[in-house]
N, C-alpha and C. Protein backbone atom coordinates (compact mmCIF):
# COMPACT_ATOMS: atom_id res chain seq x y z
N MET A 1 -9.08 18.05 -14.63
CA MET A 1 -8.15 16.94 -14.14
C MET A 1 -7.26 16.30 -15.36
N ASP A 2 -6.13 16.26 -15.13
CA ASP A 2 -5.21 15.99 -15.85
C ASP A 2 -5.45 14.58 -16.81
N PRO A 3 -5.49 14.21 -17.62
CA PRO A 3 -5.08 12.51 -17.77
C PRO A 3 -4.09 12.14 -18.24
N LYS A 4 -2.83 12.84 -18.07
CA LYS A 4 -1.81 12.20 -18.21
C LYS A 4 -1.13 11.71 -17.06
N SER A 5 -1.75 12.31 -15.85
CA SER A 5 -1.43 12.24 -14.55
C SER A 5 -2.21 11.00 -14.38
N CYS A 6 -3.17 10.71 -14.68
CA CYS A 6 -4.23 9.50 -14.43
C CYS A 6 -3.91 8.83 -15.08
N CYS A 7 -2.97 8.11 -16.39
CA CYS A 7 -2.83 6.91 -17.07
C CYS A 7 -1.41 6.71 -17.07
N SER A 8 -0.36 7.00 -16.10
CA SER A 8 0.47 6.08 -16.05
C SER A 8 0.43 5.27 -16.70
N HIS A 9 -0.25 4.09 -17.26
CA HIS A 9 0.25 3.19 -17.82
C HIS A 9 1.21 3.30 -19.23
N LYS A 10 -0.12 4.53 -19.34
CA LYS A 10 0.10 5.01 -21.47
C LYS A 10 1.23 5.61 -21.55
N ASN A 11 1.43 6.12 -19.95
CA ASN A 11 2.74 6.94 -20.92
C ASN A 11 3.67 7.09 -19.44
N PRO A 12 4.73 6.26 -19.44
CA PRO A 12 5.75 5.66 -18.20
C PRO A 12 6.31 6.28 -17.65
N GLY A 13 6.65 8.00 -18.25
CA GLY A 13 7.33 9.45 -18.14
C GLY A 13 6.61 9.69 -16.65
N ALA A 14 5.53 9.72 -16.75
CA ALA A 14 4.35 10.14 -15.60
C ALA A 14 4.28 9.58 -14.21
N VAL A 15 4.07 10.51 -13.23
CA VAL A 15 4.29 10.46 -11.94
C VAL A 15 2.63 9.64 -12.14
N SER A 16 2.83 8.98 -10.82
CA SER A 16 1.49 7.88 -10.62
C SER A 16 0.63 8.71 -9.22
N PRO A 17 -0.51 8.92 -9.66
CA PRO A 17 -0.89 10.05 -8.38
C PRO A 17 -1.23 9.31 -7.51
N VAL A 18 -1.35 8.34 -7.32
CA VAL A 18 -0.98 7.98 -6.12
C VAL A 18 0.45 7.47 -5.78
N PRO A 19 0.59 7.95 -4.09
CA PRO A 19 2.22 7.61 -3.78
C PRO A 19 2.17 5.93 -2.63
N SER A 20 3.07 6.00 -3.23
CA SER A 20 3.65 4.67 -3.08
C SER A 20 3.54 4.31 -1.29
N ARG A 21 3.30 4.75 -0.49
CA ARG A 21 3.56 4.87 0.50
C ARG A 21 2.14 4.90 1.02
N ARG A 22 1.15 4.94 0.21
CA ARG A 22 -0.87 4.35 0.78
C ARG A 22 -0.60 3.34 1.07
N SER A 23 -0.24 2.06 -0.01
CA SER A 23 -0.25 0.76 0.19
C SER A 23 0.19 0.48 1.70
N PRO A 24 1.34 0.33 2.38
CA PRO A 24 1.11 0.21 3.49
C PRO A 24 0.91 0.34 4.82
N PHE A 25 -0.20 1.72 4.44
CA PHE A 25 -1.52 2.27 5.40
C PHE A 25 -2.01 1.03 5.55
N SER A 26 -2.35 1.57 3.99
CA SER A 26 -3.58 0.32 3.30
C SER A 26 -4.16 -0.38 3.95
N ASP A 27 -2.84 -1.47 4.59
CA ASP A 27 -3.02 -2.65 4.68
C ASP A 27 -2.45 -2.52 6.21
N ILE A 28 -2.07 -1.90 6.78
CA ILE A 28 -2.48 -2.21 8.28
C ILE A 28 -3.53 -1.57 8.71
N LEU A 29 -4.11 -0.82 7.95
CA LEU A 29 -5.90 -0.25 8.62
C LEU A 29 -6.38 -1.55 8.12
N ASP A 30 -6.71 -1.86 7.24
CA ASP A 30 -7.30 -3.63 7.09
C ASP A 30 -6.58 -4.38 7.89
N ILE A 31 -5.16 -4.68 7.74
CA ILE A 31 -5.72 -5.39 9.25
C ILE A 31 -5.76 -5.21 10.75
N THR A 32 -5.61 -4.09 10.88
CA THR A 32 -6.76 -3.07 11.98
C THR A 32 -7.92 -3.50 12.23
N VAL A 33 -8.58 -2.41 11.24
CA VAL A 33 -9.48 -3.33 10.93
C VAL A 33 -10.99 -4.46 10.87
N SER A 34 -9.91 -6.07 10.67
CA SER A 34 -10.52 -7.10 10.28
C SER A 34 -9.93 -7.59 11.72
N SER A 35 -8.72 -6.89 12.52
CA SER A 35 -8.81 -7.30 14.11
C SER A 35 -9.66 -7.38 15.02
N PHE A 36 -9.88 -5.58 14.84
CA PHE A 36 -11.34 -5.62 15.52
C PHE A 36 -12.26 -6.28 15.02
N CYS A 37 -12.47 -6.15 14.31
CA CYS A 37 -14.15 -7.07 13.52
C CYS A 37 -14.07 -8.28 14.08
N SER A 38 -12.90 -9.08 14.20
CA SER A 38 -12.73 -10.97 14.54
C SER A 38 -12.74 -10.55 15.75
N LEU A 39 -12.59 -9.82 16.99
CA LEU A 39 -12.72 -9.45 18.07
C LEU A 39 -14.02 -9.49 18.56
N VAL A 40 -15.35 -8.57 17.60
CA VAL A 40 -16.34 -8.68 18.08
C VAL A 40 -17.34 -9.51 17.94
N THR A 41 -17.30 -10.55 16.41
CA THR A 41 -17.61 -12.01 15.96
C THR A 41 -16.83 -13.15 16.81
N TRP A 42 -15.54 -12.86 17.55
CA TRP A 42 -15.18 -13.98 18.62
C TRP A 42 -16.33 -13.94 19.41
N GLU A 43 -16.59 -12.72 20.77
CA GLU A 43 -16.95 -12.26 21.10
C GLU A 43 -18.31 -12.48 21.09
N TYR A 44 -18.72 -12.46 20.35
CA TYR A 44 -20.68 -12.75 19.97
C TYR A 44 -20.79 -14.26 20.09
N THR A 45 -19.98 -15.03 19.46
CA THR A 45 -19.99 -16.12 18.80
C THR A 45 -19.68 -16.94 20.41
N THR A 46 -19.16 -16.36 21.08
CA THR A 46 -18.49 -17.26 22.53
C THR A 46 -19.85 -16.97 23.02
N GLN A 47 -19.52 -16.05 23.62
CA GLN A 47 -21.17 -15.84 23.94
C GLN A 47 -22.39 -15.68 23.96
N ASN A 48 -22.86 -16.59 22.48
CA ASN A 48 -24.18 -17.18 22.09
C ASN A 48 -23.85 -18.44 22.85
N GLU A 49 -22.87 -19.10 22.89
CA GLU A 49 -22.63 -20.59 22.85
C GLU A 49 -22.71 -21.34 24.45
N ILE A 50 -22.29 -20.44 24.82
CA ILE A 50 -22.52 -20.52 26.75
C ILE A 50 -23.79 -20.76 26.97
N PRO A 51 -24.17 -21.75 27.29
CA PRO A 51 -25.97 -21.53 28.38
C PRO A 51 -25.84 -20.53 29.37
N GLN A 52 -27.10 -20.17 28.99
CA GLN A 52 -27.55 -18.82 30.44
C GLN A 52 -28.26 -19.49 31.44
N SER A 53 -27.13 -18.95 32.58
CA SER A 53 -27.06 -19.22 33.82
C SER A 53 -27.78 -18.37 35.04
N PRO A 54 -27.80 -18.71 36.22
CA PRO A 54 -27.94 -17.04 36.93
C PRO A 54 -26.61 -16.45 36.77
N VAL A 55 -25.14 -17.27 36.82
CA VAL A 55 -23.70 -16.50 37.13
C VAL A 55 -23.56 -16.25 35.99
N GLY A 56 -24.70 -16.66 34.88
CA GLY A 56 -24.02 -15.24 33.11
C GLY A 56 -24.51 -14.33 33.74
N VAL A 57 -26.44 -14.15 34.36
CA VAL A 57 -26.63 -12.92 34.19
C VAL A 57 -25.95 -12.14 35.45
N THR A 58 -25.56 -12.75 36.36
CA THR A 58 -24.86 -11.62 37.06
C THR A 58 -23.59 -11.29 36.50
N GLU A 59 -23.21 -11.62 35.24
CA GLU A 59 -21.97 -11.49 34.27
C GLU A 59 -22.71 -10.18 33.89
N GLN A 60 -23.52 -10.30 33.73
CA GLN A 60 -24.62 -9.50 31.83
C GLN A 60 -24.48 -8.52 32.68
N ASN A 61 -25.21 -8.50 34.00
CA ASN A 61 -25.24 -6.97 34.27
C ASN A 61 -23.95 -6.24 34.86
N HIS A 62 -22.87 -7.35 35.09
CA HIS A 62 -22.05 -6.55 35.75
C HIS A 62 -20.97 -5.09 34.41
N GLY A 63 -21.71 -6.33 33.55
CA GLY A 63 -20.91 -6.03 32.21
C GLY A 63 -21.80 -4.30 31.90
N ALA A 64 -23.01 -4.34 31.71
CA ALA A 64 -23.32 -3.07 31.68
C ALA A 64 -23.53 -2.62 32.25
N GLU A 65 -22.71 -2.16 33.45
CA GLU A 65 -22.18 -1.15 34.52
C GLU A 65 -21.29 0.14 33.68
N ASN A 66 -20.17 -0.90 32.68
CA ASN A 66 -19.31 -0.37 32.06
C ASN A 66 -19.67 -0.03 30.58
N PRO A 67 -21.10 1.13 30.24
CA PRO A 67 -20.76 1.21 28.60
C PRO A 67 -19.35 0.59 27.67
N ALA A 68 -18.68 1.43 27.34
CA ALA A 68 -18.01 1.21 26.17
C ALA A 68 -17.43 -0.62 26.63
N GLY A 69 -17.15 -1.28 27.75
CA GLY A 69 -16.72 -2.49 27.60
C GLY A 69 -17.84 -3.35 27.16
N ALA A 70 -18.92 -3.10 27.30
CA ALA A 70 -19.93 -3.91 27.09
C ALA A 70 -20.07 -3.83 25.55
N PHE A 71 -20.17 -2.64 25.24
CA PHE A 71 -20.33 -2.09 23.57
C PHE A 71 -19.18 -3.48 22.36
N ILE A 72 -17.98 -3.55 22.81
CA ILE A 72 -17.34 -4.29 22.46
C ILE A 72 -17.42 -5.55 22.93
N PHE A 73 -17.58 -6.24 24.04
CA PHE A 73 -17.33 -7.56 25.30
C PHE A 73 -18.58 -8.49 25.28
N ARG A 74 -20.07 -7.29 24.87
CA ARG A 74 -21.06 -7.97 24.67
C ARG A 74 -22.36 -7.12 23.37
N PRO A 75 -21.49 -7.77 22.25
CA PRO A 75 -21.87 -7.02 21.32
C PRO A 75 -23.09 -7.50 20.98
N SER A 76 -24.36 -6.41 20.03
CA SER A 76 -25.56 -6.74 19.89
C SER A 76 -25.05 -7.90 18.70
N PRO A 77 -26.50 -8.09 17.71
CA PRO A 77 -26.52 -8.50 17.20
C PRO A 77 -26.30 -7.61 15.61
N GLY A 78 -26.75 -6.26 15.58
CA GLY A 78 -26.94 -5.73 15.10
C GLY A 78 -25.31 -5.14 14.84
N LEU A 79 -24.24 -4.99 15.82
CA LEU A 79 -22.96 -4.74 15.83
C LEU A 79 -22.13 -6.33 14.96
N MET A 80 -22.80 -7.27 15.44
CA MET A 80 -21.83 -8.50 14.55
C MET A 80 -22.42 -8.42 13.02
N LEU A 81 -23.53 -8.11 12.66
CA LEU A 81 -23.84 -8.21 11.26
C LEU A 81 -23.13 -7.13 10.78
N PHE A 82 -22.62 -5.98 11.45
CA PHE A 82 -22.08 -4.90 11.02
C PHE A 82 -20.88 -5.00 10.83
N SER A 83 -20.21 -5.73 11.64
CA SER A 83 -18.85 -5.88 11.79
C SER A 83 -18.21 -7.40 11.00
N CYS A 84 -19.00 -8.37 10.92
CA CYS A 84 -19.15 -9.38 9.54
C CYS A 84 -19.20 -8.51 8.24
N LEU A 85 -19.64 -7.27 7.50
CA LEU A 85 -19.63 -6.84 6.42
C LEU A 85 -18.25 -5.56 6.83
N VAL A 86 -18.01 -5.17 7.64
CA VAL A 86 -16.69 -4.81 7.25
C VAL A 86 -15.23 -5.45 7.07
N PHE A 87 -15.46 -6.69 8.38
CA PHE A 87 -14.28 -7.87 8.17
C PHE A 87 -14.15 -8.02 6.22
N GLY A 88 -15.52 -8.63 5.63
CA GLY A 88 -15.82 -8.96 4.67
C GLY A 88 -15.23 -7.74 3.42
N CYS A 89 -15.66 -6.91 3.90
CA CYS A 89 -14.45 -5.49 2.77
C CYS A 89 -13.19 -5.45 3.33
N CYS A 90 -13.03 -5.88 3.85
CA CYS A 90 -11.27 -5.02 4.29
C CYS A 90 -10.86 -6.70 3.44
N VAL A 91 -11.33 -7.36 4.01
CA VAL A 91 -10.68 -8.70 3.49
C VAL A 91 -10.55 -8.80 2.22
N SER A 92 -11.44 -8.41 1.11
CA SER A 92 -11.98 -8.54 0.01
C SER A 92 -11.16 -7.43 -0.74
N SER A 93 -10.87 -6.11 0.05
CA SER A 93 -9.70 -5.15 -0.57
C SER A 93 -8.11 -5.38 -0.25
N PHE A 94 -7.82 -5.77 0.78
CA PHE A 94 -6.69 -5.90 1.10
C PHE A 94 -5.68 -7.73 0.13
N ALA A 95 -7.22 -8.40 -0.57
CA ALA A 95 -7.06 -9.72 -1.58
C ALA A 95 -6.40 -8.95 -2.75
N HIS A 96 -7.51 -7.86 -2.75
CA HIS A 96 -7.79 -7.99 -4.22
C HIS A 96 -6.88 -6.68 -4.74
N ARG A 97 -5.85 -5.74 -3.94
CA ARG A 97 -4.98 -4.86 -3.90
C ARG A 97 -3.84 -5.08 -3.85
N ARG A 98 -3.20 -6.48 -3.06
CA ARG A 98 -1.99 -7.35 -2.63
C ARG A 98 -2.04 -8.34 -3.81
N GLN A 99 -3.33 -9.03 -4.79
CA GLN A 99 -2.97 -10.25 -5.67
C GLN A 99 -1.27 -10.49 -6.01
N SER A 100 -1.68 -9.16 -6.82
CA SER A 100 -0.25 -9.20 -7.76
C SER A 100 1.19 -8.57 -7.54
N GLN A 101 0.75 -8.22 -5.90
CA GLN A 101 2.63 -8.51 -5.24
C GLN A 101 2.71 -9.01 -4.76
N ASP A 102 1.87 -9.97 -4.70
CA ASP A 102 2.63 -11.55 -3.67
C ASP A 102 1.40 -12.55 -4.14
N PRO A 103 2.60 -13.23 -4.96
CA PRO A 103 1.53 -14.76 -5.82
C PRO A 103 1.20 -15.91 -4.80
N PHE A 104 1.73 -15.65 -3.48
CA PHE A 104 1.94 -17.09 -2.50
C PHE A 104 1.39 -16.36 -1.93
N GLN A 105 0.22 -15.24 -1.66
CA GLN A 105 -1.49 -15.24 -1.00
C GLN A 105 -2.12 -16.39 -0.57
N PHE A 106 -2.78 -16.77 -1.76
CA PHE A 106 -3.47 -18.13 -1.94
C PHE A 106 -2.97 -18.77 -1.13
N ILE A 107 -1.70 -19.27 -0.93
CA ILE A 107 -1.38 -20.47 -0.27
C ILE A 107 -1.21 -19.95 1.11
N ILE A 108 -1.02 -18.52 1.55
CA ILE A 108 -0.81 -18.66 2.85
C ILE A 108 -2.38 -18.58 3.23
N TYR A 109 -3.34 -18.05 2.23
CA TYR A 109 -4.47 -18.15 3.14
C TYR A 109 -4.74 -19.54 3.29
N LEU A 110 -5.04 -20.58 2.38
CA LEU A 110 -5.00 -21.54 2.26
C LEU A 110 -4.69 -22.54 3.70
N ILE A 111 -2.93 -22.11 3.25
CA ILE A 111 -2.66 -23.13 4.90
C ILE A 111 -3.17 -22.55 6.47
N LEU A 112 -3.19 -21.25 7.10
CA LEU A 112 -3.98 -21.16 7.87
C LEU A 112 -4.95 -21.40 8.00
N LEU A 113 -5.76 -21.18 6.75
CA LEU A 113 -7.70 -20.97 7.02
C LEU A 113 -7.91 -23.27 7.51
N SER A 114 -6.61 -23.46 7.09
CA SER A 114 -6.95 -25.26 7.00
C SER A 114 -6.53 -25.80 8.00
N CYS A 115 -5.18 -25.09 9.05
CA CYS A 115 -4.75 -25.21 10.50
C CYS A 115 -6.01 -24.76 11.28
N ALA A 116 -6.73 -23.32 10.92
CA ALA A 116 -7.43 -22.66 12.14
C ALA A 116 -8.70 -24.06 12.17
N ALA A 117 -9.20 -24.44 11.31
CA ALA A 117 -10.30 -24.84 10.66
C ALA A 117 -10.15 -26.91 11.87
N MET A 118 -8.57 -26.74 11.36
CA MET A 118 -8.15 -28.25 11.79
C MET A 118 -8.19 -28.07 13.35
N ILE A 119 -7.53 -27.18 14.15
CA ILE A 119 -7.66 -26.67 15.59
C ILE A 119 -8.70 -27.02 15.92
N GLY A 120 -9.42 -25.98 15.34
CA GLY A 120 -11.07 -25.54 15.66
C GLY A 120 -11.69 -27.34 16.07
N TYR A 121 -11.67 -27.88 14.97
CA TYR A 121 -12.50 -29.27 14.96
C TYR A 121 -11.35 -30.23 15.75
N ALA A 122 -9.70 -29.69 16.48
CA ALA A 122 -9.34 -31.20 17.20
C ALA A 122 -9.81 -30.47 18.70
N ALA A 123 -9.99 -29.23 18.55
CA ALA A 123 -11.04 -28.44 20.28
C ALA A 123 -12.14 -28.92 20.37
N GLY A 124 -12.63 -29.38 19.15
CA GLY A 124 -14.11 -29.71 19.74
C GLY A 124 -14.88 -28.29 19.69
N ALA A 125 -15.03 -27.96 19.01
CA ALA A 125 -15.80 -26.64 18.99
C ALA A 125 -16.59 -26.96 17.89
N PRO A 126 -18.04 -26.08 17.84
CA PRO A 126 -19.09 -26.53 16.70
C PRO A 126 -18.42 -25.66 15.67
N VAL A 127 -19.48 -26.26 14.89
CA VAL A 127 -18.84 -25.27 13.18
C VAL A 127 -19.04 -23.92 13.36
N TYR A 128 -20.05 -23.64 14.28
CA TYR A 128 -20.19 -21.87 13.86
C TYR A 128 -19.37 -21.36 14.52
N LEU A 129 -18.40 -21.99 15.33
CA LEU A 129 -17.17 -21.25 16.37
C LEU A 129 -16.48 -21.02 15.23
N ILE A 130 -16.33 -22.19 14.72
CA ILE A 130 -15.55 -22.49 13.51
C ILE A 130 -15.42 -21.27 13.04
N LEU A 131 -16.26 -21.17 12.15
CA LEU A 131 -16.37 -20.16 11.43
C LEU A 131 -16.83 -18.89 11.67
N LEU A 132 -17.04 -18.70 13.01
CA LEU A 132 -17.49 -16.92 13.02
C LEU A 132 -16.30 -16.64 13.85
N GLY A 133 -15.53 -17.41 14.66
CA GLY A 133 -14.28 -17.62 15.48
C GLY A 133 -12.81 -18.09 15.45
N TYR A 134 -12.55 -19.14 14.66
CA TYR A 134 -11.49 -18.96 14.80
C TYR A 134 -10.73 -18.74 13.17
N LEU A 135 -11.77 -18.68 12.17
CA LEU A 135 -11.05 -18.91 10.99
C LEU A 135 -10.82 -17.07 10.25
N PRO A 136 -12.13 -15.73 11.38
CA PRO A 136 -11.74 -14.59 10.85
C PRO A 136 -10.27 -14.55 11.43
N TRP A 137 -10.10 -15.11 12.93
CA TRP A 137 -8.69 -14.68 13.40
C TRP A 137 -7.49 -15.07 12.63
N ALA A 138 -7.81 -16.60 11.62
CA ALA A 138 -6.40 -17.24 10.93
C ALA A 138 -6.79 -16.08 9.80
N THR A 139 -7.89 -15.33 9.60
CA THR A 139 -7.54 -14.48 7.97
C THR A 139 -6.70 -13.03 7.99
N CYS A 140 -7.05 -12.82 9.41
CA CYS A 140 -6.85 -11.64 9.13
C CYS A 140 -4.79 -12.22 10.26
N ALA A 141 -4.56 -13.20 10.95
CA ALA A 141 -2.97 -13.79 10.41
C ALA A 141 -2.34 -13.84 9.25
N ALA A 142 -2.88 -14.51 8.62
CA ALA A 142 -2.56 -14.62 7.14
C ALA A 142 -2.25 -13.70 6.36
N MET A 143 -2.90 -12.48 6.80
CA MET A 143 -3.11 -11.15 6.17
C MET A 143 -1.68 -10.74 6.49
N ALA A 144 -1.79 -10.56 8.22
CA ALA A 144 -0.26 -9.71 8.73
C ALA A 144 0.76 -10.84 8.18
N ILE A 145 1.13 -12.17 7.89
CA ILE A 145 2.24 -12.97 7.12
C ILE A 145 2.22 -12.35 5.81
N SER A 146 0.98 -12.35 4.85
CA SER A 146 1.18 -11.80 3.61
C SER A 146 2.55 -10.21 3.22
N VAL A 147 1.48 -9.06 4.22
CA VAL A 147 2.02 -7.75 4.19
C VAL A 147 3.54 -8.47 4.98
N SER A 148 4.62 -9.03 6.12
CA SER A 148 5.52 -9.32 6.72
C SER A 148 6.67 -10.02 5.98
N SER A 149 5.61 -10.54 4.82
CA SER A 149 7.17 -11.49 4.25
C SER A 149 7.12 -10.91 2.85
N ARG A 150 6.10 -10.16 2.51
CA ARG A 150 6.36 -9.64 1.70
C ARG A 150 7.90 -8.51 1.42
N GLY A 151 7.78 -7.77 3.78
CA GLY A 151 8.67 -6.75 3.56
C GLY A 151 10.09 -7.98 3.63
N VAL A 152 10.17 -8.71 4.22
CA VAL A 152 11.41 -9.35 4.03
C VAL A 152 11.88 -9.96 2.95
N TYR A 153 10.69 -10.03 1.67
CA TYR A 153 11.08 -10.72 0.85
C TYR A 153 12.41 -9.41 -0.06
N ARG A 154 11.61 -8.05 0.47
CA ARG A 154 12.30 -7.03 -0.45
C ARG A 154 13.55 -6.54 0.18
N CYS A 155 13.42 -7.28 1.82
CA CYS A 155 14.88 -6.46 2.39
C CYS A 155 15.90 -7.28 2.05
N LEU A 156 15.88 -8.95 1.79
CA LEU A 156 16.30 -9.96 0.87
C LEU A 156 17.04 -9.42 -0.51
N ARG A 157 16.32 -8.59 -1.61
CA ARG A 157 16.59 -8.51 -2.68
C ARG A 157 16.91 -7.24 -2.41
N PRO A 158 18.58 -6.92 -2.37
CA PRO A 158 18.76 -5.34 -2.57
C PRO A 158 19.56 -4.57 -4.12
N GLN A 159 18.78 -5.65 -4.70
CA GLN A 159 19.69 -5.72 -6.34
C GLN A 159 18.63 -5.18 -6.54
N THR A 160 17.17 -4.94 -6.53
CA THR A 160 16.02 -4.56 -6.88
C THR A 160 15.90 -3.34 -6.64
N ALA A 161 16.43 -2.36 -5.39
CA ALA A 161 15.89 -1.32 -5.14
C ALA A 161 17.34 -0.40 -5.39
N ALA A 162 18.80 -1.77 -5.80
CA ALA A 162 19.66 -0.27 -6.31
C ALA A 162 19.48 -0.37 -7.67
N THR A 163 18.66 -0.71 -8.47
CA THR A 163 18.84 -0.20 -10.04
C THR A 163 17.88 0.16 -9.80
N GLY A 164 17.44 1.25 -9.34
CA GLY A 164 16.33 2.59 -9.23
C GLY A 164 14.97 2.21 -9.15
N GLN A 165 14.41 1.03 -9.53
CA GLN A 165 12.92 0.77 -10.23
C GLN A 165 12.10 0.01 -9.20
N GLY A 166 12.82 -0.73 -7.79
CA GLY A 166 12.19 -1.18 -6.52
C GLY A 166 11.79 -1.98 -6.88
N ASP A 167 10.49 -2.16 -8.22
CA ASP A 167 8.88 -3.64 -7.82
C ASP A 167 9.18 -4.18 -9.33
N GLU A 168 9.12 -5.02 -8.49
CA GLU A 168 9.24 -6.33 -9.86
C GLU A 168 8.04 -5.98 -10.71
N GLU A 169 7.08 -5.36 -10.71
CA GLU A 169 6.50 -5.35 -11.78
C GLU A 169 6.93 -3.76 -12.56
N LYS A 170 6.90 -2.85 -11.89
CA LYS A 170 7.75 -1.95 -12.61
C LYS A 170 9.35 -2.70 -13.89
N ALA A 171 9.72 -3.28 -13.04
CA ALA A 171 10.75 -3.73 -14.08
C ALA A 171 10.30 -4.75 -15.08
N ARG A 172 8.55 -5.28 -14.96
CA ARG A 172 8.64 -6.20 -16.12
C ARG A 172 7.80 -5.33 -16.79
N PHE A 173 7.09 -4.17 -16.26
CA PHE A 173 6.69 -2.57 -17.54
C PHE A 173 7.40 -1.87 -17.97
N LEU A 174 8.37 -1.85 -17.30
CA LEU A 174 9.25 -1.24 -18.10
C LEU A 174 10.09 -1.69 -19.24
N GLY A 175 10.44 -2.91 -19.16
CA GLY A 175 11.17 -4.05 -20.35
C GLY A 175 12.03 -5.33 -19.66
């Protein structure tokens, strides 16, 4: 491996080994996987909140006839644990990768998570439903808002694209 290609910060003229198109794909992948994990945690949490009744037993047997639907809409405790771990990894990856690009990311997260907690509290939801149901969806929404607000910001700032530098970080780095 050529050290010049992987150390572009030491050699400003070197081409970066990671193409710029990888970040939007990674962002979309993180948001999609996080949303799926939020669905699993929501389903598991809401199903364990509802007390078992004869009607619930009938619905469980009906869900067992459709194995694909039972897998997602009747998740097992193991799938719930795996979903929580994957969700945490996706959110951590997203936040770490975008923290230098989006200075308002923390504020977006704080506002949406606070609103979700207040909505859950106002709805009379139990604490575990707020933590495992409302907050993951709010986190996914914060991730989507972070990506879309960055895209809108870039569209409204045409002078950075006209200079050929493209990103404020590159402009600061170059001089």
